[in-house]
Amino acid sequence: RMKPRKHKALSLRVIRLLNGWKDPHSDLPYTKTEAMRSIEIGETGIVAMRITPHRPHCPCCLLDLRALYRKVSSLKGVTGVGITIEGVPAAERWTREVNG
């Protein structure tokens, strides 16, 4: 469990990253699209996101989400990342692949 000041700093790092992370099929960051359903940044450093990709059969969306997973994982203070994919066919498989 981290101190409130450290949690706030971590939250700002995550939000800054997500605000600059553009969806592969638009000029908008995920946080400004319908794709990003929720973001939770726990006090233990675990980041949980729920995302609905715009194009459910698109390999570049899958690769982009995997890159997002790795980038968030590399942020200082992050102890774990979980991205749950929802609202598309084979969402469980997507979730497994993205978090791999």
N, C-alpha and C. Protein backbone atom coordinates (compact mmCIF):
# COMPACT_ATOMS: atom_id res chain seq x y z
N ARG A 1 0.85 -1.19 0.00
CA ARG A 1 0.00 0.00 0.00
C ARG A 1 0.88 1.24 0.00
N MET A 2 0.63 2.13 -0.96
CA MET A 2 1.48 3.31 -1.07
C MET A 2 0.86 4.52 -0.39
N LYS A 3 1.71 5.48 -0.10
CA LYS A 3 1.25 6.72 0.52
C LYS A 3 0.41 7.49 -0.48
N PRO A 4 -0.54 8.31 0.01
CA PRO A 4 -1.42 9.07 -0.89
C PRO A 4 -0.66 9.92 -1.91
N ARG A 5 0.46 10.52 -1.52
CA ARG A 5 1.22 11.36 -2.43
C ARG A 5 1.79 10.52 -3.58
N LYS A 6 2.29 9.33 -3.25
CA LYS A 6 2.85 8.44 -4.28
C LYS A 6 1.74 7.93 -5.20
N HIS A 7 0.58 7.62 -4.61
CA HIS A 7 -0.56 7.14 -5.41
C HIS A 7 -1.01 8.22 -6.39
N LYS A 8 -1.05 9.46 -5.92
CA LYS A 8 -1.45 10.56 -6.81
C LYS A 8 -0.44 10.72 -7.94
N ALA A 9 0.87 10.63 -7.63
CA ALA A 9 1.91 10.74 -8.66
C ALA A 9 1.78 9.61 -9.68
N LEU A 10 1.53 8.39 -9.19
CA LEU A 10 1.33 7.25 -10.09
C LEU A 10 0.11 7.49 -10.99
N SER A 11 -0.97 7.94 -10.39
CA SER A 11 -2.20 8.20 -11.16
C SER A 11 -1.94 9.20 -12.26
N LEU A 12 -1.19 10.26 -11.94
CA LEU A 12 -0.87 11.27 -12.95
C LEU A 12 -0.02 10.69 -14.08
N ARG A 13 0.94 9.82 -13.74
CA ARG A 13 1.77 9.18 -14.78
C ARG A 13 0.90 8.33 -15.70
N VAL A 14 0.00 7.54 -15.12
CA VAL A 14 -0.87 6.66 -15.93
C VAL A 14 -1.78 7.49 -16.82
N ILE A 15 -2.42 8.51 -16.24
CA ILE A 15 -3.35 9.33 -17.01
C ILE A 15 -2.61 10.08 -18.13
N ARG A 16 -1.41 10.60 -17.83
CA ARG A 16 -0.62 11.30 -18.84
C ARG A 16 -0.32 10.36 -20.01
N LEU A 17 0.07 9.13 -19.70
CA LEU A 17 0.36 8.15 -20.74
C LEU A 17 -0.90 7.87 -21.57
N LEU A 18 -2.01 7.61 -20.90
CA LEU A 18 -3.25 7.27 -21.61
C LEU A 18 -3.78 8.45 -22.43
N ASN A 19 -3.60 9.66 -21.93
CA ASN A 19 -4.05 10.84 -22.68
C ASN A 19 -3.26 11.03 -23.96
N GLY A 20 -2.06 10.45 -24.03
CA GLY A 20 -1.25 10.57 -25.23
C GLY A 20 -1.27 9.32 -26.11
N TRP A 21 -1.96 8.27 -25.65
CA TRP A 21 -1.98 7.00 -26.39
C TRP A 21 -3.13 7.00 -27.37
N LYS A 22 -2.81 7.13 -28.66
CA LYS A 22 -3.87 7.23 -29.67
C LYS A 22 -4.34 5.86 -30.15
N ASP A 23 -5.63 5.78 -30.36
CA ASP A 23 -6.23 4.59 -30.96
C ASP A 23 -5.65 4.47 -32.37
N PRO A 24 -5.29 3.24 -32.81
CA PRO A 24 -4.67 3.09 -34.13
C PRO A 24 -5.55 3.56 -35.29
N HIS A 25 -6.85 3.67 -35.09
CA HIS A 25 -7.76 4.03 -36.19
C HIS A 25 -8.33 5.44 -36.06
N SER A 26 -7.80 6.23 -35.13
CA SER A 26 -8.28 7.61 -35.02
C SER A 26 -7.17 8.48 -34.49
N ASP A 27 -7.40 9.76 -34.51
CA ASP A 27 -6.41 10.70 -33.99
C ASP A 27 -6.67 11.01 -32.52
N LEU A 28 -7.65 10.32 -31.95
CA LEU A 28 -8.01 10.59 -30.55
C LEU A 28 -7.33 9.62 -29.60
N PRO A 29 -6.93 10.11 -28.43
CA PRO A 29 -6.42 9.18 -27.41
C PRO A 29 -7.55 8.29 -26.89
N TYR A 30 -7.18 7.11 -26.37
CA TYR A 30 -8.18 6.18 -25.83
C TYR A 30 -9.12 6.85 -24.83
N THR A 31 -8.56 7.74 -24.01
CA THR A 31 -9.38 8.36 -22.95
C THR A 31 -10.47 9.26 -23.51
N LYS A 32 -10.36 9.65 -24.78
CA LYS A 32 -11.37 10.51 -25.40
C LYS A 32 -12.31 9.73 -26.32
N THR A 33 -12.20 8.41 -26.32
CA THR A 33 -13.07 7.60 -27.17
C THR A 33 -13.96 6.71 -26.31
N GLU A 34 -14.87 6.05 -26.97
CA GLU A 34 -15.76 5.10 -26.28
C GLU A 34 -15.02 3.82 -25.91
N ALA A 35 -13.83 3.62 -26.46
CA ALA A 35 -13.10 2.37 -26.25
C ALA A 35 -12.72 2.17 -24.78
N MET A 36 -12.28 3.23 -24.11
CA MET A 36 -11.85 3.12 -22.72
C MET A 36 -13.08 3.14 -21.83
N ARG A 37 -13.40 1.99 -21.26
CA ARG A 37 -14.59 1.86 -20.42
C ARG A 37 -14.32 2.29 -18.97
N SER A 38 -13.18 1.88 -18.44
CA SER A 38 -12.84 2.29 -17.08
C SER A 38 -11.35 2.10 -16.83
N ILE A 39 -10.85 2.89 -15.87
CA ILE A 39 -9.46 2.79 -15.43
C ILE A 39 -9.49 2.85 -13.91
N GLU A 40 -8.85 1.88 -13.28
CA GLU A 40 -8.71 1.91 -11.83
C GLU A 40 -7.23 1.79 -11.50
N ILE A 41 -6.77 2.68 -10.62
CA ILE A 41 -5.38 2.65 -10.20
C ILE A 41 -5.38 2.39 -8.70
N GLY A 42 -5.06 1.16 -8.34
CA GLY A 42 -5.14 0.75 -6.94
C GLY A 42 -4.02 1.31 -6.10
N GLU A 43 -4.22 1.33 -4.80
CA GLU A 43 -3.23 1.86 -3.86
C GLU A 43 -2.02 0.95 -3.72
N THR A 44 -2.09 -0.23 -4.32
CA THR A 44 -0.93 -1.12 -4.30
C THR A 44 -0.15 -1.05 -5.61
N GLY A 45 -0.59 -0.19 -6.53
CA GLY A 45 0.12 -0.01 -7.79
C GLY A 45 -0.41 -0.84 -8.94
N ILE A 46 -1.55 -1.48 -8.73
CA ILE A 46 -2.15 -2.29 -9.80
C ILE A 46 -3.09 -1.42 -10.63
N VAL A 47 -2.89 -1.46 -11.96
CA VAL A 47 -3.71 -0.68 -12.88
C VAL A 47 -4.64 -1.65 -13.61
N ALA A 48 -5.94 -1.39 -13.51
CA ALA A 48 -6.94 -2.23 -14.18
C ALA A 48 -7.71 -1.37 -15.17
N MET A 49 -7.79 -1.85 -16.41
CA MET A 49 -8.53 -1.12 -17.45
C MET A 49 -9.52 -2.06 -18.12
N ARG A 50 -10.65 -1.48 -18.51
CA ARG A 50 -11.63 -2.22 -19.32
C ARG A 50 -11.74 -1.47 -20.65
N ILE A 51 -11.48 -2.20 -21.73
CA ILE A 51 -11.43 -1.57 -23.05
C ILE A 51 -12.27 -2.37 -24.05
N THR A 52 -12.99 -1.64 -24.90
CA THR A 52 -13.70 -2.25 -26.02
C THR A 52 -13.04 -1.76 -27.31
N PRO A 53 -12.28 -2.64 -27.99
CA PRO A 53 -11.61 -2.20 -29.24
C PRO A 53 -12.63 -1.79 -30.29
N HIS A 54 -12.25 -0.81 -31.11
CA HIS A 54 -13.16 -0.33 -32.16
C HIS A 54 -13.39 -1.38 -33.24
N ARG A 55 -12.33 -2.12 -33.57
CA ARG A 55 -12.43 -3.11 -34.66
C ARG A 55 -12.05 -4.48 -34.11
N PRO A 56 -13.04 -5.32 -33.83
CA PRO A 56 -12.79 -6.58 -33.13
C PRO A 56 -11.96 -7.61 -33.88
N HIS A 57 -11.77 -7.46 -35.17
CA HIS A 57 -10.98 -8.46 -35.89
C HIS A 57 -9.69 -7.88 -36.43
N CYS A 58 -9.24 -6.80 -35.83
CA CYS A 58 -8.09 -6.08 -36.37
C CYS A 58 -6.81 -6.43 -35.61
N PRO A 59 -5.84 -7.00 -36.31
CA PRO A 59 -4.58 -7.35 -35.63
C PRO A 59 -3.83 -6.14 -35.08
N CYS A 60 -3.93 -4.98 -35.75
CA CYS A 60 -3.18 -3.84 -35.23
C CYS A 60 -3.78 -3.34 -33.92
N CYS A 61 -5.08 -3.52 -33.72
CA CYS A 61 -5.70 -3.16 -32.43
C CYS A 61 -5.15 -4.06 -31.33
N LEU A 62 -5.04 -5.33 -31.62
CA LEU A 62 -4.52 -6.29 -30.64
C LEU A 62 -3.07 -5.96 -30.30
N LEU A 63 -2.25 -5.71 -31.32
CA LEU A 63 -0.84 -5.37 -31.09
C LEU A 63 -0.72 -4.05 -30.33
N ASP A 64 -1.58 -3.09 -30.64
CA ASP A 64 -1.54 -1.80 -29.97
C ASP A 64 -1.89 -1.96 -28.48
N LEU A 65 -2.88 -2.77 -28.18
CA LEU A 65 -3.27 -2.99 -26.78
C LEU A 65 -2.17 -3.73 -26.02
N ARG A 66 -1.49 -4.62 -26.71
CA ARG A 66 -0.37 -5.32 -26.08
C ARG A 66 0.77 -4.35 -25.76
N ALA A 67 1.02 -3.43 -26.70
CA ALA A 67 2.04 -2.40 -26.48
C ALA A 67 1.62 -1.48 -25.32
N LEU A 68 0.33 -1.17 -25.24
CA LEU A 68 -0.18 -0.35 -24.14
C LEU A 68 0.05 -1.06 -22.81
N TYR A 69 -0.23 -2.36 -22.77
CA TYR A 69 -0.01 -3.16 -21.56
C TYR A 69 1.45 -3.05 -21.12
N ARG A 70 2.36 -3.23 -22.07
CA ARG A 70 3.80 -3.18 -21.75
C ARG A 70 4.22 -1.80 -21.28
N LYS A 71 3.71 -0.77 -21.94
CA LYS A 71 4.09 0.61 -21.59
C LYS A 71 3.59 0.96 -20.19
N VAL A 72 2.34 0.63 -19.88
CA VAL A 72 1.81 0.91 -18.54
C VAL A 72 2.60 0.12 -17.50
N SER A 73 2.93 -1.14 -17.83
CA SER A 73 3.70 -1.98 -16.91
C SER A 73 5.06 -1.37 -16.57
N SER A 74 5.62 -0.61 -17.53
CA SER A 74 6.96 -0.07 -17.33
C SER A 74 6.99 1.23 -16.51
N LEU A 75 5.81 1.78 -16.24
CA LEU A 75 5.77 3.04 -15.48
C LEU A 75 6.24 2.83 -14.05
N LYS A 76 6.96 3.80 -13.54
CA LYS A 76 7.44 3.76 -12.15
C LYS A 76 6.24 3.69 -11.19
N GLY A 77 6.28 2.73 -10.29
CA GLY A 77 5.23 2.58 -9.29
C GLY A 77 4.16 1.56 -9.65
N VAL A 78 4.12 1.13 -10.92
CA VAL A 78 3.11 0.13 -11.34
C VAL A 78 3.61 -1.25 -10.94
N THR A 79 2.79 -1.96 -10.17
CA THR A 79 3.16 -3.31 -9.74
C THR A 79 2.46 -4.40 -10.55
N GLY A 80 1.45 -4.02 -11.29
CA GLY A 80 0.73 -4.98 -12.12
C GLY A 80 -0.26 -4.27 -13.02
N VAL A 81 -0.58 -4.90 -14.15
CA VAL A 81 -1.53 -4.33 -15.10
C VAL A 81 -2.48 -5.43 -15.52
N GLY A 82 -3.75 -5.09 -15.60
CA GLY A 82 -4.75 -6.00 -16.13
C GLY A 82 -5.64 -5.25 -17.09
N ILE A 83 -5.68 -5.71 -18.33
CA ILE A 83 -6.58 -5.12 -19.32
C ILE A 83 -7.64 -6.15 -19.63
N THR A 84 -8.89 -5.79 -19.38
CA THR A 84 -10.01 -6.66 -19.71
C THR A 84 -10.65 -6.15 -20.98
N ILE A 85 -10.73 -7.02 -21.99
CA ILE A 85 -11.36 -6.66 -23.26
C ILE A 85 -12.82 -7.11 -23.18
N GLU A 86 -13.71 -6.21 -23.57
CA GLU A 86 -15.13 -6.58 -23.55
C GLU A 86 -15.85 -6.02 -24.76
N GLY A 87 -17.04 -6.58 -25.01
CA GLY A 87 -17.88 -6.07 -26.07
C GLY A 87 -17.50 -6.49 -27.48
N VAL A 88 -16.60 -7.48 -27.61
CA VAL A 88 -16.23 -7.97 -28.94
C VAL A 88 -16.26 -9.50 -28.91
N PRO A 89 -16.40 -10.13 -30.09
CA PRO A 89 -16.35 -11.60 -30.12
C PRO A 89 -15.00 -12.10 -29.61
N ALA A 90 -15.01 -13.20 -28.91
CA ALA A 90 -13.79 -13.83 -28.36
C ALA A 90 -13.05 -12.89 -27.41
N ALA A 91 -13.80 -12.12 -26.63
CA ALA A 91 -13.21 -11.14 -25.71
C ALA A 91 -12.25 -11.80 -24.72
N GLU A 92 -12.55 -13.02 -24.29
CA GLU A 92 -11.68 -13.71 -23.33
C GLU A 92 -10.32 -13.99 -23.96
N ARG A 93 -10.33 -14.38 -25.24
CA ARG A 93 -9.09 -14.66 -25.94
C ARG A 93 -8.27 -13.37 -26.13
N TRP A 94 -8.96 -12.30 -26.49
CA TRP A 94 -8.30 -11.00 -26.61
C TRP A 94 -7.64 -10.65 -25.28
N THR A 95 -8.38 -10.80 -24.19
CA THR A 95 -7.86 -10.45 -22.87
C THR A 95 -6.62 -11.24 -22.55
N ARG A 96 -6.64 -12.54 -22.85
CA ARG A 96 -5.48 -13.41 -22.61
C ARG A 96 -4.28 -12.93 -23.42
N GLU A 97 -4.51 -12.63 -24.70
CA GLU A 97 -3.42 -12.22 -25.59
C GLU A 97 -2.81 -10.88 -25.17
N VAL A 98 -3.67 -9.91 -24.85
CA VAL A 98 -3.21 -8.57 -24.50
C VAL A 98 -2.37 -8.58 -23.23
N ASN A 99 -2.74 -9.42 -22.28
CA ASN A 99 -2.06 -9.46 -20.99
C ASN A 99 -0.87 -10.42 -20.97
N GLY A 100 -0.49 -10.92 -22.15
CA GLY A 100 0.59 -11.90 -22.22
C GLY A 100 1.98 -11.33 -22.30
